[in-house]
C-alpha atoms as a PDB file:
ATOM      1  CA  MET A   1       0.000   0.000   0.000  1.00  0.00           C
ATOM      2  CA  GLY A   2       2.968   2.263  -0.518  1.00  0.00           C
ATOM      3  CA  VAL A   3       4.009   2.537   3.156  1.00  0.00           C
ATOM      4  CA  PRO A   4       5.945   0.315   5.596  1.00  0.00           C
ATOM      5  CA  TRP A   5       3.890  -2.139   7.665  1.00  0.00           C
ATOM      6  CA  THR A   6       4.958  -3.786  10.920  1.00  0.00           C
ATOM      7  CA  ILE A   7       3.186  -6.680  12.624  1.00  0.00           C
ATOM      8  CA  THR A   8       4.069  -7.613  16.201  1.00  0.00           C
ATOM      9  CA  VAL A   9       2.515 -10.586  17.989  1.00  0.00           C
ATOM     10  CA  GLU A  10       2.741 -12.467  21.270  1.00  0.00           C
ATOM     11  CA  ALA A  11       2.308 -16.204  20.694  1.00  0.00           C
ATOM     12  CA  THR A  12       2.972 -19.548  22.319  1.00  0.00           C
ATOM     13  CA  THR A  13       5.783 -20.488  19.918  1.00  0.00           C
ATOM     14  CA  ALA A  14       7.926 -18.815  17.276  1.00  0.00           C
ATOM     15  CA  ALA A  15       6.330 -21.001  14.605  1.00  0.00           C
ATOM     16  CA  VAL A  16       2.822 -19.869  15.568  1.00  0.00           C
ATOM     17  CA  ALA A  17       3.968 -16.240  15.596  1.00  0.00           C
ATOM     18  CA  GLU A  18       5.636 -16.489  12.183  1.00  0.00           C
ATOM     19  CA  ALA A  19       2.618 -18.164  10.608  1.00  0.00           C
ATOM     20  CA  ALA A  20       0.256 -15.529  12.022  1.00  0.00           C
ATOM     21  CA  ILE A  21       2.453 -12.666  10.845  1.00  0.00           C
ATOM     22  CA  ALA A  22       2.745 -14.173   7.364  1.00  0.00           C
ATOM     23  CA  ALA A  23      -1.029 -14.545   7.193  1.00  0.00           C
ATOM     24  CA  GLY A  24      -1.477 -10.913   8.224  1.00  0.00           C
ATOM     25  CA  PHE A  25       0.870  -9.638   5.530  1.00  0.00           C
ATOM     26  CA  ALA A  26      -0.810 -11.877   2.948  1.00  0.00           C
ATOM     27  CA  GLU A  27      -4.173 -10.329   3.805  1.00  0.00           C
ATOM     28  CA  VAL A  28      -2.766  -6.818   3.384  1.00  0.00           C
ATOM     29  CA  GLY A  29      -1.377  -7.803  -0.018  1.00  0.00           C
ATOM     30  CA  ARG A  30      -4.708  -9.273  -1.072  1.00  0.00           C
ATOM     31  CA  LEU A  31      -6.561  -6.118  -0.108  1.00  0.00           C
ATOM     32  CA  ASP A  32      -4.039  -3.937  -1.917  1.00  0.00           C
ATOM     33  CA  GLY A  33      -5.131  -5.695  -5.098  1.00  0.00           C
ATOM     34  CA  ILE A  34      -8.718  -4.648  -4.354  1.00  0.00           C
ATOM     35  CA  LEU A  35      -8.456  -1.168  -2.844  1.00  0.00           C
ATOM     36  CA  SER A  36      -5.418   0.375  -4.584  1.00  0.00           C
ATOM     37  CA  ASP A  37      -6.023   3.545  -6.613  1.00  0.00           C
ATOM     38  CA  TYR A  38      -2.596   3.195  -8.283  1.00  0.00           C
ATOM     39  CA  ASP A  39      -2.912  -0.320  -9.722  1.00  0.00           C
ATOM     40  CA  PRO A  40      -5.102  -0.109 -12.863  1.00  0.00           C
ATOM     41  CA  ALA A  41      -5.978  -3.781 -12.429  1.00  0.00           C
ATOM     42  CA  SER A  42      -7.379  -3.300  -8.904  1.00  0.00           C
ATOM     43  CA  GLU A  43     -11.106  -3.595  -8.319  1.00  0.00           C
ATOM     44  CA  LEU A  44     -11.224   0.046  -7.239  1.00  0.00           C
ATOM     45  CA  CYS A  45      -9.538   1.341 -10.405  1.00  0.00           C
ATOM     46  CA  ARG A  46     -11.702  -0.833 -12.638  1.00  0.00           C
ATOM     47  CA  LEU A  47     -14.789   0.460 -10.858  1.00  0.00           C
ATOM     48  CA  SER A  48     -13.724   4.085 -11.372  1.00  0.00           C
ATOM     49  CA  ALA A  49     -12.854   3.438 -15.020  1.00  0.00           C
ATOM     50  CA  ALA A  50     -16.436   2.268 -15.641  1.00  0.00           C
ATOM     51  CA  ALA A  51     -17.977   5.657 -14.704  1.00  0.00           C
ATOM     52  CA  PRO A  52     -20.505   6.818 -15.714  1.00  0.00           C
ATOM     53  CA  MET A  53     -22.616   3.715 -15.156  1.00  0.00           C
ATOM     54  CA  ALA A  54     -26.174   3.263 -16.320  1.00  0.00           C
ATOM     55  CA  HIS A  55     -26.710   0.315 -13.961  1.00  0.00           C
ATOM     56  CA  PRO A  56     -25.300  -0.814 -10.597  1.00  0.00           C
ATOM     57  CA  VAL A  57     -22.260  -3.120 -10.659  1.00  0.00           C
ATOM     58  CA  PRO A  58     -21.832  -5.909  -8.073  1.00  0.00           C
ATOM     59  CA  VAL A  59     -18.688  -5.556  -5.955  1.00  0.00           C
ATOM     60  CA  SER A  60     -16.688  -7.814  -3.654  1.00  0.00           C
ATOM     61  CA  ALA A  61     -17.516  -8.080   0.043  1.00  0.00           C
ATOM     62  CA  ASP A  62     -14.387  -6.111   0.967  1.00  0.00           C
ATOM     63  CA  MET A  63     -15.141  -3.312  -1.475  1.00  0.00           C
ATOM     64  CA  TRP A  64     -18.700  -3.133  -0.196  1.00  0.00           C
ATOM     65  CA  ASN A  65     -17.617  -3.035   3.450  1.00  0.00           C
ATOM     66  CA  VAL A  66     -15.228  -0.146   2.831  1.00  0.00           C
ATOM     67  CA  LEU A  67     -17.603   1.892   0.666  1.00  0.00           C
ATOM     68  CA  ASP A  68     -20.543   1.344   3.010  1.00  0.00           C
ATOM     69  CA  ARG A  69     -18.503   2.642   5.952  1.00  0.00           C
ATOM     70  CA  ALA A  70     -17.085   5.494   3.876  1.00  0.00           C
ATOM     71  CA  VAL A  71     -20.546   6.681   2.883  1.00  0.00           C
ATOM     72  CA  ALA A  72     -21.714   6.555   6.510  1.00  0.00           C
ATOM     73  CA  ILE A  73     -18.813   8.779   7.577  1.00  0.00           C
ATOM     74  CA  ARG A  74     -19.382  11.064   4.587  1.00  0.00           C
ATOM     75  CA  GLU A  75     -22.945  11.634   5.761  1.00  0.00           C
ATOM     76  CA  ALA A  76     -21.980  12.073   9.425  1.00  0.00           C
ATOM     77  CA  SER A  77     -19.258  14.598   8.514  1.00  0.00           C
ATOM     78  CA  ALA A  78     -21.410  16.607   6.067  1.00  0.00           C
ATOM     79  CA  GLY A  79     -19.048  15.719   3.232  1.00  0.00           C
ATOM     80  CA  ALA A  80     -15.743  16.486   4.980  1.00  0.00           C
ATOM     81  CA  PHE A  81     -14.794  12.890   4.183  1.00  0.00           C
ATOM     82  CA  ASP A  82     -15.791  11.621   0.743  1.00  0.00           C
ATOM     83  CA  PRO A  83     -14.688   8.433  -1.062  1.00  0.00           C
ATOM     84  CA  SER A  84     -15.448  10.037  -4.451  1.00  0.00           C
ATOM     85  CA  VAL A  85     -12.808  12.754  -3.911  1.00  0.00           C
ATOM     86  CA  GLY A  86     -10.428  11.263  -6.505  1.00  0.00           C
ATOM     87  CA  PRO A  87     -10.836  13.984  -9.187  1.00  0.00           C
ATOM     88  CA  LEU A  88     -10.030  16.664  -6.614  1.00  0.00           C
ATOM     89  CA  THR A  89      -7.011  14.904  -5.093  1.00  0.00           C
ATOM     90  CA  THR A  90      -5.549  14.449  -8.578  1.00  0.00           C
ATOM     91  CA  LEU A  91      -6.040  18.137  -9.333  1.00  0.00           C
ATOM     92  CA  TRP A  92      -4.601  19.225  -5.983  1.00  0.00           C
ATOM     93  CA  ARG A  93      -1.474  17.095  -6.435  1.00  0.00           C
ATOM     94  CA  GLN A  94      -0.846  19.002  -9.656  1.00  0.00           C
ATOM     95  CA  ALA A  95      -1.374  22.309  -7.838  1.00  0.00           C
ATOM     96  CA  ARG A  96       1.155  21.352  -5.177  1.00  0.00           C
ATOM     97  CA  ARG A  97       3.736  20.430  -7.821  1.00  0.00           C
ATOM     98  CA  THR A  98       3.291  23.624  -9.820  1.00  0.00           C
ATOM     99  CA  GLY A  99       2.646  26.029  -6.925  1.00  0.00           C
ATOM    100  CA  ARG A 100      -0.454  27.370  -8.682  1.00  0.00           C
ATOM    101  CA  LEU A 101      -4.113  27.018  -7.751  1.00  0.00           C
ATOM    102  CA  PRO A 102      -6.249  24.983 -10.166  1.00  0.00           C
ATOM    103  CA  ARG A 103      -7.901  26.972 -12.925  1.00  0.00           C
ATOM    104  CA  PRO A 104     -11.522  27.731 -11.977  1.00  0.00           C
ATOM    105  CA  GLU A 105     -12.985  25.773 -14.891  1.00  0.00           C
ATOM    106  CA  ARG A 106     -10.925  22.670 -14.051  1.00  0.00           C
ATOM    107  CA  LEU A 107     -11.832  22.917 -10.375  1.00  0.00           C
ATOM    108  CA  ALA A 108     -15.521  23.265 -11.252  1.00  0.00           C
ATOM    109  CA  ALA A 109     -15.375  20.208 -13.524  1.00  0.00           C
ATOM    110  CA  ALA A 110     -13.684  18.095 -10.848  1.00  0.00           C
ATOM    111  CA  ARG A 111     -16.135  19.207  -8.157  1.00  0.00           C
ATOM    112  CA  ALA A 112     -19.030  18.236 -10.427  1.00  0.00           C
ATOM    113  CA  ALA A 113     -17.809  14.616 -10.305  1.00  0.00           C
ATOM    114  CA  VAL A 114     -17.581  14.501  -6.498  1.00  0.00           C
ATOM    115  CA  GLY A 115     -20.184  14.325  -3.744  1.00  0.00           C
ATOM    116  CA  SER A 116     -23.205  12.394  -2.556  1.00  0.00           C
ATOM    117  CA  GLY A 117     -24.553  12.051  -6.092  1.00  0.00           C
ATOM    118  CA  ALA A 118     -21.312  10.545  -7.383  1.00  0.00           C
ATOM    119  CA  LEU A 119     -21.575   7.234  -5.499  1.00  0.00           C
ATOM    120  CA  VAL A 120     -24.786   5.258  -5.107  1.00  0.00           C
ATOM    121  CA  LEU A 121     -24.926   2.075  -3.011  1.00  0.00           C
ATOM    122  CA  VAL A 122     -27.531  -0.632  -3.642  1.00  0.00           C
ATOM    123  CA  PRO A 123     -27.521  -2.737  -0.452  1.00  0.00           C
ATOM    124  CA  ASP A 124     -29.908  -5.508  -1.505  1.00  0.00           C
ATOM    125  CA  ARG A 125     -27.651  -6.320  -4.460  1.00  0.00           C
ATOM    126  CA  ARG A 126     -24.284  -5.430  -2.858  1.00  0.00           C
ATOM    127  CA  ALA A 127     -23.781  -3.242  -5.878  1.00  0.00           C
ATOM    128  CA  VAL A 128     -22.426   0.211  -6.670  1.00  0.00           C
ATOM    129  CA  ARG A 129     -23.268   2.794  -9.312  1.00  0.00           C
ATOM    130  CA  LEU A 130     -21.132   5.773 -10.322  1.00  0.00           C
ATOM    131  CA  PRO A 131     -23.609   7.854 -12.338  1.00  0.00           C
ATOM    132  CA  LEU A 132     -21.392  10.866 -13.075  1.00  0.00           C
ATOM    133  CA  ALA A 133     -18.737  11.165 -15.766  1.00  0.00           C
ATOM    134  CA  GLY A 134     -15.249  11.711 -14.384  1.00  0.00           C
ATOM    135  CA  THR A 135     -15.860  10.236 -10.920  1.00  0.00           C
ATOM    136  CA  ARG A 136     -12.821   8.503  -9.453  1.00  0.00           C
ATOM    137  CA  LEU A 137     -12.952   6.743  -6.099  1.00  0.00           C
ATOM    138  CA  ASP A 138     -10.114   7.361  -3.642  1.00  0.00           C
ATOM    139  CA  LEU A 139      -9.967   5.198  -0.513  1.00  0.00           C
ATOM    140  CA  GLY A 140      -6.662   6.616   0.733  1.00  0.00           C
ATOM    141  CA  GLY A 141      -8.339   7.859   3.899  1.00  0.00           C
ATOM    142  CA  ILE A 142      -9.979   4.576   4.872  1.00  0.00           C
ATOM    143  CA  GLY A 143      -8.552   1.617   2.947  1.00  0.00           C
ATOM    144  CA  MET A 144      -5.406   1.241   5.014  1.00  0.00           C
ATOM    145  CA  GLY A 145      -7.433   1.237   8.228  1.00  0.00           C
ATOM    146  CA  TYR A 146      -9.699  -1.471   6.832  1.00  0.00           C
ATOM    147  CA  ALA A 147      -6.672  -3.561   5.834  1.00  0.00           C
ATOM    148  CA  ALA A 148      -5.271  -3.235   9.368  1.00  0.00           C
ATOM    149  CA  ASP A 149      -8.567  -4.450  10.833  1.00  0.00           C
ATOM    150  CA  ARG A 150      -8.723  -7.391   8.470  1.00  0.00           C
ATOM    151  CA  ALA A 151      -5.093  -8.346   9.115  1.00  0.00           C
ATOM    152  CA  LEU A 152      -5.802  -8.443  12.835  1.00  0.00           C
ATOM    153  CA  GLU A 153      -8.834 -10.677  12.234  1.00  0.00           C
ATOM    154  CA  VAL A 154      -6.750 -13.080  10.151  1.00  0.00           C
ATOM    155  CA  ILE A 155      -4.111 -13.193  12.884  1.00  0.00           C
ATOM    156  CA  ALA A 156      -6.806 -13.939  15.482  1.00  0.00           C
ATOM    157  CA  ASP A 157      -8.046 -16.782  13.277  1.00  0.00           C
ATOM    158  CA  ARG A 158      -4.577 -18.293  13.710  1.00  0.00           C
ATOM    159  CA  GLY A 159      -5.121 -18.392  17.474  1.00  0.00           C
ATOM    160  CA  VAL A 160      -3.055 -15.285  18.270  1.00  0.00           C
ATOM    161  CA  ARG A 161      -4.981 -12.915  20.513  1.00  0.00           C
ATOM    162  CA  THR A 162      -2.231 -10.373  21.264  1.00  0.00           C
ATOM    163  CA  ALA A 163      -1.047  -8.406  18.246  1.00  0.00           C
ATOM    164  CA  MET A 164      -0.278  -4.946  16.935  1.00  0.00           C
ATOM    165  CA  ILE A 165      -0.538  -3.780  13.314  1.00  0.00           C
ATOM    166  CA  ASP A 166       1.376  -0.603  12.484  1.00  0.00           C
ATOM    167  CA  ALA A 167       0.682   0.703   8.977  1.00  0.00           C
ATOM    168  CA  SER A 168       3.113   3.604   9.030  1.00  0.00           C
ATOM    169  CA  GLY A 169       1.332   5.211  11.970  1.00  0.00           C
ATOM    170  CA  ASP A 170      -2.152   3.770  11.516  1.00  0.00           C
ATOM    171  CA  ILE A 171      -2.178   1.397  14.473  1.00  0.00           C
ATOM    172  CA  ARG A 172      -4.553  -1.420  15.437  1.00  0.00           C
ATOM    173  CA  VAL A 173      -4.080  -3.530  18.548  1.00  0.00           C
ATOM    174  CA  SER A 174      -5.849  -6.501  20.091  1.00  0.00           C
ATOM    175  CA  ALA A 175      -5.352  -7.802  23.652  1.00  0.00           C
ATOM    176  CA  ALA A 176      -2.635  -6.273  25.834  1.00  0.00           C
ATOM    177  CA  PRO A 177       0.693  -8.104  26.118  1.00  0.00           C
ATOM    178  CA  ALA A 178       1.020 -10.305  29.194  1.00  0.00           C
ATOM    179  CA  GLY A 179       1.504  -8.369  32.408  1.00  0.00           C
ATOM    180  CA  THR A 180       0.548  -4.993  30.930  1.00  0.00           C
ATOM    181  CA  ARG A 181      -2.546  -2.815  30.721  1.00  0.00           C
ATOM    182  CA  GLY A 182      -2.087  -2.218  27.006  1.00  0.00           C
ATOM    183  CA  TRP A 183       0.264  -1.656  24.117  1.00  0.00           C
ATOM    184  CA  ARG A 184       2.420   1.418  24.856  1.00  0.00           C
ATOM    185  CA  ILE A 185       2.353   3.774  21.887  1.00  0.00           C
ATOM    186  CA  ALA A 186       4.599   6.823  21.933  1.00  0.00           C
ATOM    187  CA  THR A 187       3.085  10.057  20.655  1.00  0.00           C
ATOM    188  CA  ALA A 188       4.259  13.635  20.223  1.00  0.00           C
ATOM    189  CA  PRO A 189       2.396  16.892  19.688  1.00  0.00           C
ATOM    190  CA  HIS A 190       2.560  17.815  16.015  1.00  0.00           C
ATOM    191  CA  GLY A 191       5.055  20.566  15.552  1.00  0.00           C
ATOM    192  CA  GLY A 192       6.336  20.074  19.109  1.00  0.00           C
ATOM    193  CA  PRO A 193       9.260  18.175  20.631  1.00  0.00           C
ATOM    194  CA  ALA A 194       9.224  14.388  20.442  1.00  0.00           C
ATOM    195  CA  GLY A 195       8.277  12.711  23.700  1.00  0.00           C
ATOM    196  CA  ALA A 196       6.390  15.715  25.058  1.00  0.00           C
ATOM    197  CA  ASP A 197       3.219  13.669  25.421  1.00  0.00           C
ATOM    198  CA  GLN A 198       2.723  10.647  27.659  1.00  0.00           C
ATOM    199  CA  PRO A 199       2.639   7.298  25.825  1.00  0.00           C
ATOM    200  CA  LEU A 200      -0.827   5.917  25.229  1.00  0.00           C
ATOM    201  CA  GLU A 201      -1.745   2.464  26.537  1.00  0.00           C
ATOM    202  CA  LEU A 202      -4.288   0.813  24.259  1.00  0.00           C
ATOM    203  CA  ALA A 203      -5.956  -2.585  23.961  1.00  0.00           C
ATOM    204  CA  HIS A 204      -8.655  -3.660  21.506  1.00  0.00           C
ATOM    205  CA  ALA A 205      -8.491  -0.244  19.845  1.00  0.00           C
ATOM    206  CA  ALA A 206      -7.050   1.748  16.969  1.00  0.00           C
ATOM    207  CA  LEU A 207      -5.056   4.970  16.750  1.00  0.00           C
ATOM    208  CA  THR A 208      -4.562   6.981  13.579  1.00  0.00           C
ATOM    209  CA  THR A 209      -3.022  10.349  12.819  1.00  0.00           C
ATOM    210  CA  SER A 210      -3.843  12.798  10.063  1.00  0.00           C
ATOM    211  CA  GLY A 211      -2.995  16.397   9.407  1.00  0.00           C
ATOM    212  CA  ASP A 212      -0.514  18.908   8.179  1.00  0.00           C
ATOM    213  CA  ALA A 213       1.962  19.946  10.822  1.00  0.00           C
ATOM    214  CA  TYR A 214       4.826  19.594   8.343  1.00  0.00           C
ATOM    215  CA  GLN A 215       3.558  18.984   4.798  1.00  0.00           C
ATOM    216  CA  GLY A 216       1.887  21.615   2.676  1.00  0.00           C
ATOM    217  CA  VAL A 217       2.371  24.249   0.019  1.00  0.00           C
ATOM    218  CA  GLU A 218       2.223  28.034   0.042  1.00  0.00           C
ATOM    219  CA  ILE A 219       0.376  29.600  -2.888  1.00  0.00           C
ATOM    220  CA  ASP A 220      -0.208  33.335  -3.198  1.00  0.00           C
ATOM    221  CA  GLY A 221       0.757  33.812   0.443  1.00  0.00           C
ATOM    222  CA  VAL A 222      -1.648  31.175   1.785  1.00  0.00           C
ATOM    223  CA  ARG A 223      -0.423  27.883   3.230  1.00  0.00           C
ATOM    224  CA  TYR A 224      -2.500  24.903   2.136  1.00  0.00           C
ATOM    225  CA  SER A 225      -2.422  21.320   3.411  1.00  0.00           C
ATOM    226  CA  HIS A 226      -1.917  18.246   1.259  1.00  0.00           C
ATOM    227  CA  ILE A 227      -5.310  17.126   2.645  1.00  0.00           C
ATOM    228  CA  VAL A 228      -8.128  18.118   0.311  1.00  0.00           C
ATOM    229  CA  ASP A 229     -11.442  19.477   1.541  1.00  0.00           C
ATOM    230  CA  PRO A 230     -13.960  17.661  -0.721  1.00  0.00           C
ATOM    231  CA  ARG A 231     -16.396  20.549  -0.313  1.00  0.00           C
ATOM    232  CA  THR A 232     -14.031  23.142  -1.841  1.00  0.00           C
ATOM    233  CA  GLY A 233     -11.571  21.076  -3.854  1.00  0.00           C
ATOM    234  CA  LEU A 234      -8.627  22.878  -2.254  1.00  0.00           C
ATOM    235  CA  GLY A 235      -6.192  21.898   0.489  1.00  0.00           C
ATOM    236  CA  VAL A 236      -7.157  22.658   4.059  1.00  0.00           C
ATOM    237  CA  VAL A 237      -5.777  26.019   5.223  1.00  0.00           C
ATOM    238  CA  GLY A 238      -3.661  26.098   8.370  1.00  0.00           C
ATOM    239  CA  ARG A 239      -1.358  23.736  10.235  1.00  0.00           C
ATOM    240  CA  THR A 240      -3.471  21.303  12.217  1.00  0.00           C
ATOM    241  CA  ALA A 241      -3.040  17.608  12.963  1.00  0.00           C
ATOM    242  CA  VAL A 242      -5.342  15.216  14.766  1.00  0.00           C
ATOM    243  CA  MET A 243      -5.009  11.825  16.450  1.00  0.00           C
ATOM    244  CA  VAL A 244      -8.110   9.648  16.730  1.00  0.00           C
ATOM    245  CA  ILE A 245      -8.734   6.648  18.961  1.00  0.00           C
ATOM    246  CA  ALA A 246     -11.592   4.354  17.913  1.00  0.00           C
ATOM    247  CA  PRO A 247     -12.698   0.752  18.418  1.00  0.00           C
ATOM    248  CA  ASP A 248     -11.557  -0.120  14.871  1.00  0.00           C
ATOM    249  CA  CYS A 249      -8.988   1.245  12.448  1.00  0.00           C
ATOM    250  CA  THR A 250     -11.443   1.651   9.561  1.00  0.00           C
ATOM    251  CA  SER A 251     -13.371   4.265  11.548  1.00  0.00           C
ATOM    252  CA  ALA A 252     -10.269   5.854  13.075  1.00  0.00           C
ATOM    253  CA  ASP A 253      -8.639   6.279   9.653  1.00  0.00           C
ATOM    254  CA  ALA A 254     -11.644   7.964   8.046  1.00  0.00           C
ATOM    255  CA  LEU A 255     -12.510  10.072  11.093  1.00  0.00           C
ATOM    256  CA  ALA A 256      -8.949  11.403  11.323  1.00  0.00           C
ATOM    257  CA  THR A 257      -9.229  12.653   7.743  1.00  0.00           C
ATOM    258  CA  ALA A 258     -12.688  14.136   8.317  1.00  0.00           C
ATOM    259  CA  LEU A 259     -11.620  15.902  11.510  1.00  0.00           C
ATOM    260  CA  SER A 260      -8.537  17.330   9.784  1.00  0.00           C
ATOM    261  CA  VAL A 261     -10.913  18.988   7.321  1.00  0.00           C
ATOM    262  CA  LEU A 262     -13.478  20.099   9.913  1.00  0.00           C
ATOM    263  CA  GLY A 263     -11.111  21.469  12.560  1.00  0.00           C
ATOM    264  CA  PRO A 264     -11.697  21.224  16.327  1.00  0.00           C
ATOM    265  CA  GLY A 265     -15.048  23.023  16.501  1.00  0.00           C
ATOM    266  CA  ALA A 266     -17.124  21.038  14.011  1.00  0.00           C
ATOM    267  CA  GLY A 267     -14.792  18.060  14.344  1.00  0.00           C
ATOM    268  CA  LEU A 268     -15.510  17.441  18.015  1.00  0.00           C
ATOM    269  CA  ALA A 269     -19.249  17.718  17.365  1.00  0.00           C
ATOM    270  CA  THR A 270     -18.962  15.123  14.591  1.00  0.00           C
ATOM    271  CA  LEU A 271     -16.850  12.816  16.749  1.00  0.00           C
ATOM    272  CA  GLY A 272     -19.622  12.766  19.345  1.00  0.00           C
ATOM    273  CA  ARG A 273     -21.746  10.730  16.917  1.00  0.00           C
ATOM    274  CA  PHE A 274     -19.318   7.798  17.123  1.00  0.00           C
ATOM    275  CA  PRO A 275     -19.336   5.908  20.454  1.00  0.00           C
ATOM    276  CA  GLY A 276     -15.996   4.817  21.856  1.00  0.00           C
ATOM    277  CA  THR A 277     -13.965   7.440  20.003  1.00  0.00           C
ATOM    278  CA  ALA A 278     -11.711  10.259  21.195  1.00  0.00           C
ATOM    279  CA  ALA A 279      -9.477  12.804  19.483  1.00  0.00           C
ATOM    280  CA  LEU A 280      -6.606  15.172  20.157  1.00  0.00           C
ATOM    281  CA  PHE A 281      -6.070  18.209  17.902  1.00  0.00           C
ATOM    282  CA  SER A 282      -2.680  19.917  17.698  1.00  0.00           C
ATOM    283  CA  VAL A 283      -2.816  23.377  16.139  1.00  0.00           C
ATOM    284  CA  LEU A 284       0.468  25.053  15.191  1.00  0.00           C
ATOM    285  CA  ASP A 285       0.005  28.823  15.173  1.00  0.00           C
ATOM    286  CA  ALA A 286       2.817  31.401  15.095  1.00  0.00           C
ATOM    287  CA  GLY A 287       5.281  28.806  16.311  1.00  0.00           C
ATOM    288  CA  HIS A 288       3.165  27.692  19.269  1.00  0.00           C
ATOM    289  CA  VAL A 289       1.346  24.380  19.614  1.00  0.00           C
ATOM    290  CA  ARG A 290      -2.150  24.448  21.071  1.00  0.00           C
ATOM    291  CA  GLN A 291      -3.738  21.097  21.903  1.00  0.00           C
ATOM    292  CA  ILE A 292      -7.469  20.479  22.147  1.00  0.00           C
ATOM    293  CA  ALA A 293      -8.710  17.139  23.466  1.00  0.00           C
ATOM    294  CA  SER A 294     -12.143  15.606  23.164  1.00  0.00           C
ATOM    295  CA  PRO A 295     -13.939  14.066  26.137  1.00  0.00           C
ATOM    296  CA  GLY A 296     -12.531  10.594  26.659  1.00  0.00           C
ATOM    297  CA  TRP A 297      -9.000  11.350  25.521  1.00  0.00           C
ATOM    298  CA  PRO A 298      -6.594   9.559  27.928  1.00  0.00           C
ATOM    299  CA  ALA A 299      -5.543  11.727  30.853  1.00  0.00           C
ATOM    300  CA  GLY A 300      -2.040  13.117  30.614  1.00  0.00           C
ATOM    301  CA  ALA A 301      -1.899  12.844  26.823  1.00  0.00           C
ATOM    302  CA  ALA A 302      -3.075  16.412  26.144  1.00  0.00           C
ATOM    303  CA  GLN A 303      -1.737  19.738  27.304  1.00  0.00           C
ATOM    304  CA  HIS A 304      -5.063  21.586  27.221  1.00  0.00           C
ATOM    305  CA  PRO A 305      -8.706  20.635  27.821  1.00  0.00           C
ATOM    306  CA  ALA A 306     -11.319  20.613  25.119  1.00  0.00           C
ATOM    307  CA  ARG A 307     -12.731  23.956  24.058  1.00  0.00           C
ATOM    308  CA  SER A 308     -15.146  25.124  21.399  1.00  0.00           C
ATOM    309  CA  GLY A 309     -14.344  27.181  18.322  1.00  0.00           C
ATOM    310  CA  LYS A 310     -12.166  26.775  15.256  1.00  0.00           C
ATOM    311  CA  PRO A 311      -8.369  27.015  15.281  1.00  0.00           C
END
């Protein structure tokens, strides 16, 4: 999936551990062949290439699971997360390379192929329709989380109940290692010194990070993120990052992207619709880091309590 993956397990024997880890990596590889937006032979790319569709197309169980969850989070976030954002992410990558905003007519054309009308799910047939010309699905904000969840399930099927999947910072853990309260995961405030935050201790949970403390581009005196706001087609303005804890990595992955777009004010309100979740925003402003934690964020892991308002 274009990033390093690490799988750590606690098992009865080395042979059991090695077999479980191999099975986990095999599952990630299988899902890459389904969810990749770079491989033209993937199910996702073939689905996008078929737009516009006159009739719904049946999809695999994995594709359905991801798209169904993506649409639910799109609706809950008022479009701040959108799996049909592909035309806009392609256009914004070009803008970042050239240092110029997209031409208005190109931005308008891309926006016309994105949104709630661009992806239609047909549950009774497990089918999908992309009715608009130019629509391109992009699961970069949710696919990796889903793969982490599935890898952990495959490992559990091998009899291993204590494991951690680390997909380059998207983390999913099962039971705590023996003699501990949870997997210790080091964190740092974005834009701040490493080790400034207390490590998190997590079990049966996921942690993902999204945001723009370091990446971005300045165009006409405005600093834009590499993260695209599907509602505008442009990168998010400002330097904000967010960590999300959730019961599963699929939700944590997508919510981290949505909250990066929404910011702390609307983001915390959206997060409240998802039981068992918590978030920590880090806003870098004039060289100072301001942290804003949601209710439920582990004590000691944030420097400031939750507050309302946008950064």
